[in-house]
Amino acid sequence: MFGIGLPELVVILAVALIVLGPQRLPEVARMLGRAYGQLRRASEEFQNTIRQDLAALERQEDANRNKAIAQEIRDRCAAVEDVQTAIIQERDEHG
């Protein structure tokens, strides 16, 4: 937990008890716990948003790549059709 070991945690709690007193310490601990929870939820939300955005970008890249491949296939089919038409015309002219 943040690189804090048990001895450091005991010292922090002892200082907090001295500074805040036994009445306010539980209240401050609850407040810190809530703040930590909110920070953690916000961090998870941010990470999820980033993951969703990256996934959307990857899907867009895939769609663009697929469009490019489809266009290449159409171009090659058109070239094959042109060759086929030329062969038929040549055959009709000579045959």
PDB file of N, CA and C in Angstrom:
ATOM      1  N   MET A   1       0.859  -1.191   0.000  1.00  0.00           N
ATOM      2  CA  MET A   1       0.000   0.000   0.000  1.00  0.00           C
ATOM      3  C   MET A   1       0.891   1.235   0.000  1.00  0.00           C
ATOM      4  N   PHE A   2       1.192   1.812  -1.133  1.00  0.00           N
ATOM      5  CA  PHE A   2       2.002   3.017  -1.295  1.00  0.00           C
ATOM      6  C   PHE A   2       3.420   2.829  -0.784  1.00  0.00           C
ATOM      7  N   GLY A   3       3.903   1.613  -0.648  1.00  0.00           N
ATOM      8  CA  GLY A   3       5.251   1.366  -0.174  1.00  0.00           C
ATOM      9  C   GLY A   3       5.424   1.650   1.307  1.00  0.00           C
ATOM     10  N   ILE A   4       4.336   1.678   2.051  1.00  0.00           N
ATOM     11  CA  ILE A   4       4.406   1.941   3.487  1.00  0.00           C
ATOM     12  C   ILE A   4       4.325   0.605   4.213  1.00  0.00           C
ATOM     13  N   GLY A   5       5.327   0.321   5.033  1.00  0.00           N
ATOM     14  CA  GLY A   5       5.336  -0.911   5.808  1.00  0.00           C
ATOM     15  C   GLY A   5       4.617  -0.728   7.128  1.00  0.00           C
ATOM     16  N   LEU A   6       4.551  -1.792   7.901  1.00  0.00           N
ATOM     17  CA  LEU A   6       3.861  -1.761   9.188  1.00  0.00           C
ATOM     18  C   LEU A   6       4.488  -0.758  10.156  1.00  0.00           C
ATOM     19  N   PRO A   7       5.824  -0.701  10.272  1.00  0.00           N
ATOM     20  CA  PRO A   7       6.398   0.289  11.217  1.00  0.00           C
ATOM     21  C   PRO A   7       6.047   1.734  10.853  1.00  0.00           C
ATOM     22  N   GLU A   8       6.096   2.044   9.571  1.00  0.00           N
ATOM     23  CA  GLU A   8       5.757   3.409   9.154  1.00  0.00           C
ATOM     24  C   GLU A   8       4.294   3.716   9.433  1.00  0.00           C
ATOM     25  N   LEU A   9       3.435   2.733   9.189  1.00  0.00           N
ATOM     26  CA  LEU A   9       2.000   2.911   9.424  1.00  0.00           C
ATOM     27  C   LEU A   9       1.718   3.153  10.904  1.00  0.00           C
ATOM     28  N   VAL A  10       2.400   2.445  11.773  1.00  0.00           N
ATOM     29  CA  VAL A  10       2.225   2.629  13.223  1.00  0.00           C
ATOM     30  C   VAL A  10       2.649   4.038  13.619  1.00  0.00           C
ATOM     31  N   VAL A  11       3.764   4.513  13.091  1.00  0.00           N
ATOM     32  CA  VAL A  11       4.234   5.870  13.403  1.00  0.00           C
ATOM     33  C   VAL A  11       3.220   6.901  12.909  1.00  0.00           C
ATOM     34  N   ILE A  12       2.707   6.723  11.692  1.00  0.00           N
ATOM     35  CA  ILE A  12       1.715   7.664  11.149  1.00  0.00           C
ATOM     36  C   ILE A  12       0.471   7.678  12.006  1.00  0.00           C
ATOM     37  N   LEU A  13      -0.016   6.502  12.414  1.00  0.00           N
ATOM     38  CA  LEU A  13      -1.213   6.440  13.264  1.00  0.00           C
ATOM     39  C   LEU A  13      -0.966   7.074  14.632  1.00  0.00           C
ATOM     40  N   ALA A  14       0.217   6.869  15.206  1.00  0.00           N
ATOM     41  CA  ALA A  14       0.539   7.466  16.511  1.00  0.00           C
ATOM     42  C   ALA A  14       0.572   8.986  16.404  1.00  0.00           C
ATOM     43  N   VAL A  15       1.193   9.503  15.331  1.00  0.00           N
ATOM     44  CA  VAL A  15       1.245  10.961  15.141  1.00  0.00           C
ATOM     45  C   VAL A  15      -0.164  11.506  14.913  1.00  0.00           C
ATOM     46  N   ALA A  16      -0.965  10.811  14.126  1.00  0.00           N
ATOM     47  CA  ALA A  16      -2.339  11.250  13.873  1.00  0.00           C
ATOM     48  C   ALA A  16      -3.145  11.252  15.154  1.00  0.00           C
ATOM     49  N   LEU A  17      -2.967  10.250  15.993  1.00  0.00           N
ATOM     50  CA  LEU A  17      -3.686  10.187  17.264  1.00  0.00           C
ATOM     51  C   LEU A  17      -3.295  11.349  18.168  1.00  0.00           C
ATOM     52  N   ILE A  18      -2.003  11.674  18.186  1.00  0.00           N
ATOM     53  CA  ILE A  18      -1.534  12.795  19.010  1.00  0.00           C
ATOM     54  C   ILE A  18      -2.057  14.117  18.465  1.00  0.00           C
ATOM     55  N   VAL A  19      -1.978  14.314  17.142  1.00  0.00           N
ATOM     56  CA  VAL A  19      -2.370  15.587  16.534  1.00  0.00           C
ATOM     57  C   VAL A  19      -3.888  15.764  16.560  1.00  0.00           C
ATOM     58  N   LEU A  20      -4.632  14.730  16.186  1.00  0.00           N
ATOM     59  CA  LEU A  20      -6.082  14.863  16.047  1.00  0.00           C
ATOM     60  C   LEU A  20      -6.842  14.524  17.321  1.00  0.00           C
ATOM     61  N   GLY A  21      -6.301  13.686  18.114  1.00  0.00           N
ATOM     62  CA  GLY A  21      -6.997  13.259  19.320  1.00  0.00           C
ATOM     63  C   GLY A  21      -7.889  12.060  19.025  1.00  0.00           C
ATOM     64  N   PRO A  22      -8.279  11.367  20.067  1.00  0.00           N
ATOM     65  CA  PRO A  22      -9.062  10.143  19.874  1.00  0.00           C
ATOM     66  C   PRO A  22     -10.487  10.407  19.371  1.00  0.00           C
ATOM     67  N   GLN A  23     -11.038  11.586  19.563  1.00  0.00           N
ATOM     68  CA  GLN A  23     -12.401  11.869  19.111  1.00  0.00           C
ATOM     69  C   GLN A  23     -12.454  12.119  17.605  1.00  0.00           C
ATOM     70  N   ARG A  24     -11.508  12.850  17.075  1.00  0.00           N
ATOM     71  CA  ARG A  24     -11.538  13.218  15.646  1.00  0.00           C
ATOM     72  C   ARG A  24     -10.876  12.182  14.746  1.00  0.00           C
ATOM     73  N   LEU A  25     -10.053  11.315  15.293  1.00  0.00           N
ATOM     74  CA  LEU A  25      -9.324  10.341  14.477  1.00  0.00           C
ATOM     75  C   LEU A  25     -10.259   9.433  13.657  1.00  0.00           C
ATOM     76  N   PRO A  26     -11.310   8.854  14.248  1.00  0.00           N
ATOM     77  CA  PRO A  26     -12.210   8.022  13.426  1.00  0.00           C
ATOM     78  C   PRO A  26     -12.904   8.806  12.313  1.00  0.00           C
ATOM     79  N   GLU A  27     -13.285  10.049  12.627  1.00  0.00           N
ATOM     80  CA  GLU A  27     -13.945  10.901  11.628  1.00  0.00           C
ATOM     81  C   GLU A  27     -12.999  11.185  10.454  1.00  0.00           C
ATOM     82  N   VAL A  28     -11.765  11.519  10.753  1.00  0.00           N
ATOM     83  CA  VAL A  28     -10.777  11.812   9.716  1.00  0.00           C
ATOM     84  C   VAL A  28     -10.463  10.536   8.928  1.00  0.00           C
ATOM     85  N   ALA A  29     -10.397   9.399   9.614  1.00  0.00           N
ATOM     86  CA  ALA A  29     -10.125   8.133   8.928  1.00  0.00           C
ATOM     87  C   ALA A  29     -11.251   7.808   7.952  1.00  0.00           C
ATOM     88  N   ARG A  30     -12.501   8.014   8.359  1.00  0.00           N
ATOM     89  CA  ARG A  30     -13.633   7.785   7.445  1.00  0.00           C
ATOM     90  C   ARG A  30     -13.558   8.723   6.247  1.00  0.00           C
ATOM     91  N   MET A  31     -13.242   9.981   6.518  1.00  0.00           N
ATOM     92  CA  MET A  31     -13.141  10.956   5.435  1.00  0.00           C
ATOM     93  C   MET A  31     -12.043  10.546   4.449  1.00  0.00           C
ATOM     94  N   LEU A  32     -10.901  10.128   4.954  1.00  0.00           N
ATOM     95  CA  LEU A  32      -9.803   9.684   4.088  1.00  0.00           C
ATOM     96  C   LEU A  32     -10.191   8.421   3.321  1.00  0.00           C
ATOM     97  N   GLY A  33     -10.900   7.511   3.976  1.00  0.00           N
ATOM     98  CA  GLY A  33     -11.358   6.295   3.313  1.00  0.00           C
ATOM     99  C   GLY A  33     -12.306   6.602   2.165  1.00  0.00           C
ATOM    100  N   ARG A  34     -13.230   7.524   2.397  1.00  0.00           N
ATOM    101  CA  ARG A  34     -14.165   7.924   1.325  1.00  0.00           C
ATOM    102  C   ARG A  34     -13.418   8.584   0.166  1.00  0.00           C
ATOM    103  N   ALA A  35     -12.479   9.469   0.515  1.00  0.00           N
ATOM    104  CA  ALA A  35     -11.710  10.158  -0.525  1.00  0.00           C
ATOM    105  C   ALA A  35     -10.900   9.147  -1.345  1.00  0.00           C
ATOM    106  N   TYR A  36     -10.312   8.174  -0.670  1.00  0.00           N
ATOM    107  CA  TYR A  36      -9.549   7.144  -1.376  1.00  0.00           C
ATOM    108  C   TYR A  36     -10.467   6.338  -2.294  1.00  0.00           C
ATOM    109  N   GLY A  37     -11.658   5.980  -1.797  1.00  0.00           N
ATOM    110  CA  GLY A  37     -12.622   5.235  -2.617  1.00  0.00           C
ATOM    111  C   GLY A  37     -13.052   6.024  -3.842  1.00  0.00           C
ATOM    112  N   GLN A  38     -13.322   7.309  -3.650  1.00  0.00           N
ATOM    113  CA  GLN A  38     -13.727   8.155  -4.777  1.00  0.00           C
ATOM    114  C   GLN A  38     -12.589   8.278  -5.794  1.00  0.00           C
ATOM    115  N   LEU A  39     -11.386   8.445  -5.294  1.00  0.00           N
ATOM    116  CA  LEU A  39     -10.230   8.543  -6.187  1.00  0.00           C
ATOM    117  C   LEU A  39     -10.049   7.251  -6.969  1.00  0.00           C
ATOM    118  N   ARG A  40     -10.234   6.140  -6.304  1.00  0.00           N
ATOM    119  CA  ARG A  40     -10.085   4.839  -6.968  1.00  0.00           C
ATOM    120  C   ARG A  40     -11.161   4.645  -8.036  1.00  0.00           C
ATOM    121  N   ARG A  41     -12.406   5.009  -7.719  1.00  0.00           N
ATOM    122  CA  ARG A  41     -13.490   4.899  -8.714  1.00  0.00           C
ATOM    123  C   ARG A  41     -13.230   5.804  -9.903  1.00  0.00           C
ATOM    124  N   ALA A  42     -12.771   7.017  -9.638  1.00  0.00           N
ATOM    125  CA  ALA A  42     -12.477   7.945 -10.732  1.00  0.00           C
ATOM    126  C   ALA A  42     -11.349   7.395 -11.606  1.00  0.00           C
ATOM    127  N   SER A  43     -10.351   6.807 -10.981  1.00  0.00           N
ATOM    128  CA  SER A  43      -9.241   6.220 -11.727  1.00  0.00           C
ATOM    129  C   SER A  43      -9.728   5.056 -12.590  1.00  0.00           C
ATOM    130  N   GLU A  44     -10.566   4.197 -12.045  1.00  0.00           N
ATOM    131  CA  GLU A  44     -11.106   3.070 -12.809  1.00  0.00           C
ATOM    132  C   GLU A  44     -11.971   3.557 -13.968  1.00  0.00           C
ATOM    133  N   GLU A  45     -12.782   4.591 -13.720  1.00  0.00           N
ATOM    134  CA  GLU A  45     -13.606   5.171 -14.786  1.00  0.00           C
ATOM    135  C   GLU A  45     -12.728   5.710 -15.909  1.00  0.00           C
ATOM    136  N   PHE A  46     -11.677   6.413 -15.528  1.00  0.00           N
ATOM    137  CA  PHE A  46     -10.755   6.976 -16.514  1.00  0.00           C
ATOM    138  C   PHE A  46     -10.114   5.867 -17.334  1.00  0.00           C
ATOM    139  N   GLN A  47      -9.654   4.819 -16.663  1.00  0.00           N
ATOM    140  CA  GLN A  47      -9.033   3.697 -17.368  1.00  0.00           C
ATOM    141  C   GLN A  47     -10.032   3.033 -18.315  1.00  0.00           C
ATOM    142  N   ASN A  48     -11.263   2.852 -17.867  1.00  0.00           N
ATOM    143  CA  ASN A  48     -12.288   2.249 -18.732  1.00  0.00           C
ATOM    144  C   ASN A  48     -12.560   3.124 -19.943  1.00  0.00           C
ATOM    145  N   THR A  49     -12.609   4.431 -19.741  1.00  0.00           N
ATOM    146  CA  THR A  49     -12.840   5.352 -20.849  1.00  0.00           C
ATOM    147  C   THR A  49     -11.701   5.256 -21.864  1.00  0.00           C
ATOM    148  N   ILE A  50     -10.478   5.220 -21.378  1.00  0.00           N
ATOM    149  CA  ILE A  50      -9.316   5.104 -22.265  1.00  0.00           C
ATOM    150  C   ILE A  50      -9.379   3.785 -23.040  1.00  0.00           C
ATOM    151  N   ARG A  51      -9.704   2.686 -22.333  1.00  0.00           N
ATOM    152  CA  ARG A  51      -9.806   1.382 -23.015  1.00  0.00           C
ATOM    153  C   ARG A  51     -10.877   1.406 -24.096  1.00  0.00           C
ATOM    154  N   GLN A  52     -12.038   2.003 -23.783  1.00  0.00           N
ATOM    155  CA  GLN A  52     -13.121   2.082 -24.766  1.00  0.00           C
ATOM    156  C   GLN A  52     -12.712   2.916 -25.968  1.00  0.00           C
ATOM    157  N   ASP A  53     -12.040   4.034 -25.719  1.00  0.00           N
ATOM    158  CA  ASP A  53     -11.594   4.883 -26.822  1.00  0.00           C
ATOM    159  C   ASP A  53     -10.565   4.165 -27.700  1.00  0.00           C
ATOM    160  N   LEU A  54      -9.649   3.440 -27.068  1.00  0.00           N
ATOM    161  CA  LEU A  54      -8.656   2.686 -27.838  1.00  0.00           C
ATOM    162  C   LEU A  54      -9.325   1.592 -28.665  1.00  0.00           C
ATOM    163  N   ALA A  55     -10.317   0.929 -28.077  1.00  0.00           N
ATOM    164  CA  ALA A  55     -11.033  -0.114 -28.816  1.00  0.00           C
ATOM    165  C   ALA A  55     -11.768   0.488 -30.009  1.00  0.00           C
ATOM    166  N   ALA A  56     -12.371   1.667 -29.811  1.00  0.00           N
ATOM    167  CA  ALA A  56     -13.069   2.331 -30.911  1.00  0.00           C
ATOM    168  C   ALA A  56     -12.087   2.720 -32.018  1.00  0.00           C
ATOM    169  N   LEU A  57     -10.917   3.204 -31.641  1.00  0.00           N
ATOM    170  CA  LEU A  57      -9.905   3.549 -32.642  1.00  0.00           C
ATOM    171  C   LEU A  57      -9.438   2.312 -33.408  1.00  0.00           C
ATOM    172  N   GLU A  58      -9.257   1.205 -32.688  1.00  0.00           N
ATOM    173  CA  GLU A  58      -8.844  -0.026 -33.357  1.00  0.00           C
ATOM    174  C   GLU A  58      -9.919  -0.504 -34.324  1.00  0.00           C
ATOM    175  N   ARG A  59     -11.189  -0.406 -33.900  1.00  0.00           N
ATOM    176  CA  ARG A  59     -12.277  -0.798 -34.812  1.00  0.00           C
ATOM    177  C   ARG A  59     -12.295   0.092 -36.040  1.00  0.00           C
ATOM    178  N   GLN A  60     -12.055   1.397 -35.870  1.00  0.00           N
ATOM    179  CA  GLN A  60     -12.031   2.318 -37.002  1.00  0.00           C
ATOM    180  C   GLN A  60     -10.875   1.986 -37.931  1.00  0.00           C
ATOM    181  N   GLU A  61      -9.701   1.686 -37.347  1.00  0.00           N
ATOM    182  CA  GLU A  61      -8.550   1.308 -38.170  1.00  0.00           C
ATOM    183  C   GLU A  61      -8.847   0.023 -38.942  1.00  0.00           C
ATOM    184  N   ASP A  62      -9.482  -0.939 -38.287  1.00  0.00           N
ATOM    185  CA  ASP A  62      -9.850  -2.185 -38.966  1.00  0.00           C
ATOM    186  C   ASP A  62     -10.818  -1.908 -40.109  1.00  0.00           C
ATOM    187  N   ALA A  63     -11.794  -1.040 -39.860  1.00  0.00           N
ATOM    188  CA  ALA A  63     -12.765  -0.710 -40.906  1.00  0.00           C
ATOM    189  C   ALA A  63     -12.067  -0.029 -42.083  1.00  0.00           C
ATOM    190  N   ASN A  64     -11.158   0.891 -41.799  1.00  0.00           N
ATOM    191  CA  ASN A  64     -10.417   1.569 -42.875  1.00  0.00           C
ATOM    192  C   ASN A  64      -9.557   0.578 -43.655  1.00  0.00           C
ATOM    193  N   ARG A  65      -8.920  -0.336 -42.930  1.00  0.00           N
ATOM    194  CA  ARG A  65      -8.094  -1.346 -43.578  1.00  0.00           C
ATOM    195  C   ARG A  65      -8.963  -2.241 -44.465  1.00  0.00           C
ATOM    196  N   ASN A  66     -10.130  -2.624 -43.963  1.00  0.00           N
ATOM    197  CA  ASN A  66     -11.042  -3.464 -44.744  1.00  0.00           C
ATOM    198  C   ASN A  66     -11.543  -2.734 -45.985  1.00  0.00           C
ATOM    199  N   LYS A  67     -11.806  -1.434 -45.858  1.00  0.00           N
ATOM    200  CA  LYS A  67     -12.238  -0.654 -47.026  1.00  0.00           C
ATOM    201  C   LYS A  67     -11.134  -0.615 -48.079  1.00  0.00           C
ATOM    202  N   ALA A  68      -9.896  -0.440 -47.629  1.00  0.00           N
ATOM    203  CA  ALA A  68      -8.769  -0.396 -48.563  1.00  0.00           C
ATOM    204  C   ALA A  68      -8.601  -1.740 -49.266  1.00  0.00           C
ATOM    205  N   ILE A  69      -8.748  -2.815 -48.526  1.00  0.00           N
ATOM    206  CA  ILE A  69      -8.633  -4.149 -49.120  1.00  0.00           C
ATOM    207  C   ILE A  69      -9.763  -4.382 -50.117  1.00  0.00           C
ATOM    208  N   ALA A  70     -10.965  -3.975 -49.743  1.00  0.00           N
ATOM    209  CA  ALA A  70     -12.104  -4.139 -50.652  1.00  0.00           C
ATOM    210  C   ALA A  70     -11.893  -3.345 -51.941  1.00  0.00           C
ATOM    211  N   GLN A  71     -11.348  -2.133 -51.829  1.00  0.00           N
ATOM    212  CA  GLN A  71     -11.084  -1.325 -53.021  1.00  0.00           C
ATOM    213  C   GLN A  71     -10.014  -1.986 -53.890  1.00  0.00           C
ATOM    214  N   GLU A  72      -9.005  -2.542 -53.257  1.00  0.00           N
ATOM    215  CA  GLU A  72      -7.958  -3.235 -54.009  1.00  0.00           C
ATOM    216  C   GLU A  72      -8.542  -4.438 -54.745  1.00  0.00           C
ATOM    217  N   ILE A  73      -9.418  -5.169 -54.100  1.00  0.00           N
ATOM    218  CA  ILE A  73     -10.056  -6.322 -54.752  1.00  0.00           C
ATOM    219  C   ILE A  73     -10.910  -5.860 -55.931  1.00  0.00           C
ATOM    220  N   ARG A  74     -11.659  -4.775 -55.726  1.00  0.00           N
ATOM    221  CA  ARG A  74     -12.470  -4.235 -56.836  1.00  0.00           C
ATOM    222  C   ARG A  74     -11.582  -3.825 -58.005  1.00  0.00           C
ATOM    223  N   ASP A  75     -10.464  -3.169 -57.711  1.00  0.00           N
ATOM    224  CA  ASP A  75      -9.543  -2.738 -58.776  1.00  0.00           C
ATOM    225  C   ASP A  75      -8.975  -3.940 -59.523  1.00  0.00           C
ATOM    226  N   ARG A  76      -8.599  -4.974 -58.791  1.00  0.00           N
ATOM    227  CA  ARG A  76      -8.042  -6.166 -59.442  1.00  0.00           C
ATOM    228  C   ARG A  76      -9.100  -6.886 -60.268  1.00  0.00           C
ATOM    229  N   CYS A  77     -10.342  -6.924 -59.765  1.00  0.00           N
ATOM    230  CA  CYS A  77     -11.427  -7.548 -60.534  1.00  0.00           C
ATOM    231  C   CYS A  77     -11.686  -6.762 -61.814  1.00  0.00           C
ATOM    232  N   ALA A  78     -11.622  -5.429 -61.692  1.00  0.00           N
ATOM    233  CA  ALA A  78     -11.816  -4.603 -62.886  1.00  0.00           C
ATOM    234  C   ALA A  78     -10.705  -4.858 -63.892  1.00  0.00           C
ATOM    235  N   ALA A  79      -9.477  -5.020 -63.413  1.00  0.00           N
ATOM    236  CA  ALA A  79      -8.356  -5.298 -64.313  1.00  0.00           C
ATOM    237  C   ALA A  79      -8.538  -6.658 -64.981  1.00  0.00           C
ATOM    238  N   VAL A  80      -9.016  -7.636 -64.230  1.00  0.00           N
ATOM    239  CA  VAL A  80      -9.262  -8.957 -64.806  1.00  0.00           C
ATOM    240  C   VAL A  80     -10.374  -8.869 -65.846  1.00  0.00           C
ATOM    241  N   GLU A  81     -11.409  -8.112 -65.538  1.00  0.00           N
ATOM    242  CA  GLU A  81     -12.507  -7.938 -66.505  1.00  0.00           C
ATOM    243  C   GLU A  81     -12.009  -7.249 -67.773  1.00  0.00           C
ATOM    244  N   ASP A  82     -11.112  -6.265 -67.618  1.00  0.00           N
ATOM    245  CA  ASP A  82     -10.548  -5.585 -68.793  1.00  0.00           C
ATOM    246  C   ASP A  82      -9.755  -6.570 -69.653  1.00  0.00           C
ATOM    247  N   VAL A  83      -8.953  -7.408 -69.018  1.00  0.00           N
ATOM    248  CA  VAL A  83      -8.182  -8.410 -69.754  1.00  0.00           C
ATOM    249  C   VAL A  83      -9.129  -9.393 -70.430  1.00  0.00           C
ATOM    250  N   GLN A  84     -10.146  -9.793 -69.714  1.00  0.00           N
ATOM    251  CA  GLN A  84     -11.121 -10.741 -70.262  1.00  0.00           C
ATOM    252  C   GLN A  84     -11.824 -10.135 -71.473  1.00  0.00           C
ATOM    253  N   THR A  85     -12.214  -8.877 -71.376  1.00  0.00           N
ATOM    254  CA  THR A  85     -12.866  -8.188 -72.486  1.00  0.00           C
ATOM    255  C   THR A  85     -11.918  -8.079 -73.680  1.00  0.00           C
ATOM    256  N   ALA A  86     -10.665  -7.748 -73.424  1.00  0.00           N
ATOM    257  CA  ALA A  86      -9.680  -7.634 -74.504  1.00  0.00           C
ATOM    258  C   ALA A  86      -9.471  -8.977 -75.185  1.00  0.00           C
ATOM    259  N   ILE A  87      -9.434 -10.056 -74.412  1.00  0.00           N
ATOM    260  CA  ILE A  87      -9.268 -11.392 -74.989  1.00  0.00           C
ATOM    261  C   ILE A  87     -10.465 -11.753 -75.857  1.00  0.00           C
ATOM    262  N   ILE A  88     -11.662 -11.445 -75.368  1.00  0.00           N
ATOM    263  CA  ILE A  88     -12.886 -11.747 -76.148  1.00  0.00           C
ATOM    264  C   ILE A  88     -12.900 -10.949 -77.437  1.00  0.00           C
ATOM    265  N   GLN A  89     -12.528  -9.645 -77.359  1.00  0.00           N
ATOM    266  CA  GLN A  89     -12.523  -8.803 -78.560  1.00  0.00           C
ATOM    267  C   GLN A  89     -11.488  -9.307 -79.572  1.00  0.00           C
ATOM    268  N   GLU A  90     -10.316  -9.680 -79.062  1.00  0.00           N
ATOM    269  CA  GLU A  90      -9.272 -10.177 -79.949  1.00  0.00           C
ATOM    270  C   GLU A  90      -9.711 -11.485 -80.606  1.00  0.00           C
ATOM    271  N   ARG A  91     -10.358 -12.335 -79.836  1.00  0.00           N
ATOM    272  CA  ARG A  91     -10.827 -13.604 -80.362  1.00  0.00           C
ATOM    273  C   ARG A  91     -11.902 -13.372 -81.438  1.00  0.00           C
ATOM    274  N   ASP A  92     -12.792 -12.411 -81.190  1.00  0.00           N
ATOM    275  CA  ASP A  92     -13.840 -12.107 -82.156  1.00  0.00           C
ATOM    276  C   ASP A  92     -13.264 -11.512 -83.435  1.00  0.00           C
ATOM    277  N   GLU A  93     -12.211 -10.720 -83.306  1.00  0.00           N
ATOM    278  CA  GLU A  93     -11.581 -10.108 -84.461  1.00  0.00           C
ATOM    279  C   GLU A  93     -10.838 -11.155 -85.310  1.00  0.00           C
ATOM    280  N   HIS A  94     -10.284 -12.149 -84.673  1.00  0.00           N
ATOM    281  CA  HIS A  94      -9.481 -13.142 -85.374  1.00  0.00           C
ATOM    282  C   HIS A  94     -10.269 -14.438 -85.662  1.00  0.00           C
ATOM    283  N   GLY A  95     -11.375 -14.546 -85.079  1.00  0.00           N
ATOM    284  CA  GLY A  95     -12.027 -15.824 -85.188  1.00  0.00           C
ATOM    285  C   GLY A  95     -13.224 -15.796 -86.005  1.00  0.00           C
TER     286      GLY A  95
END
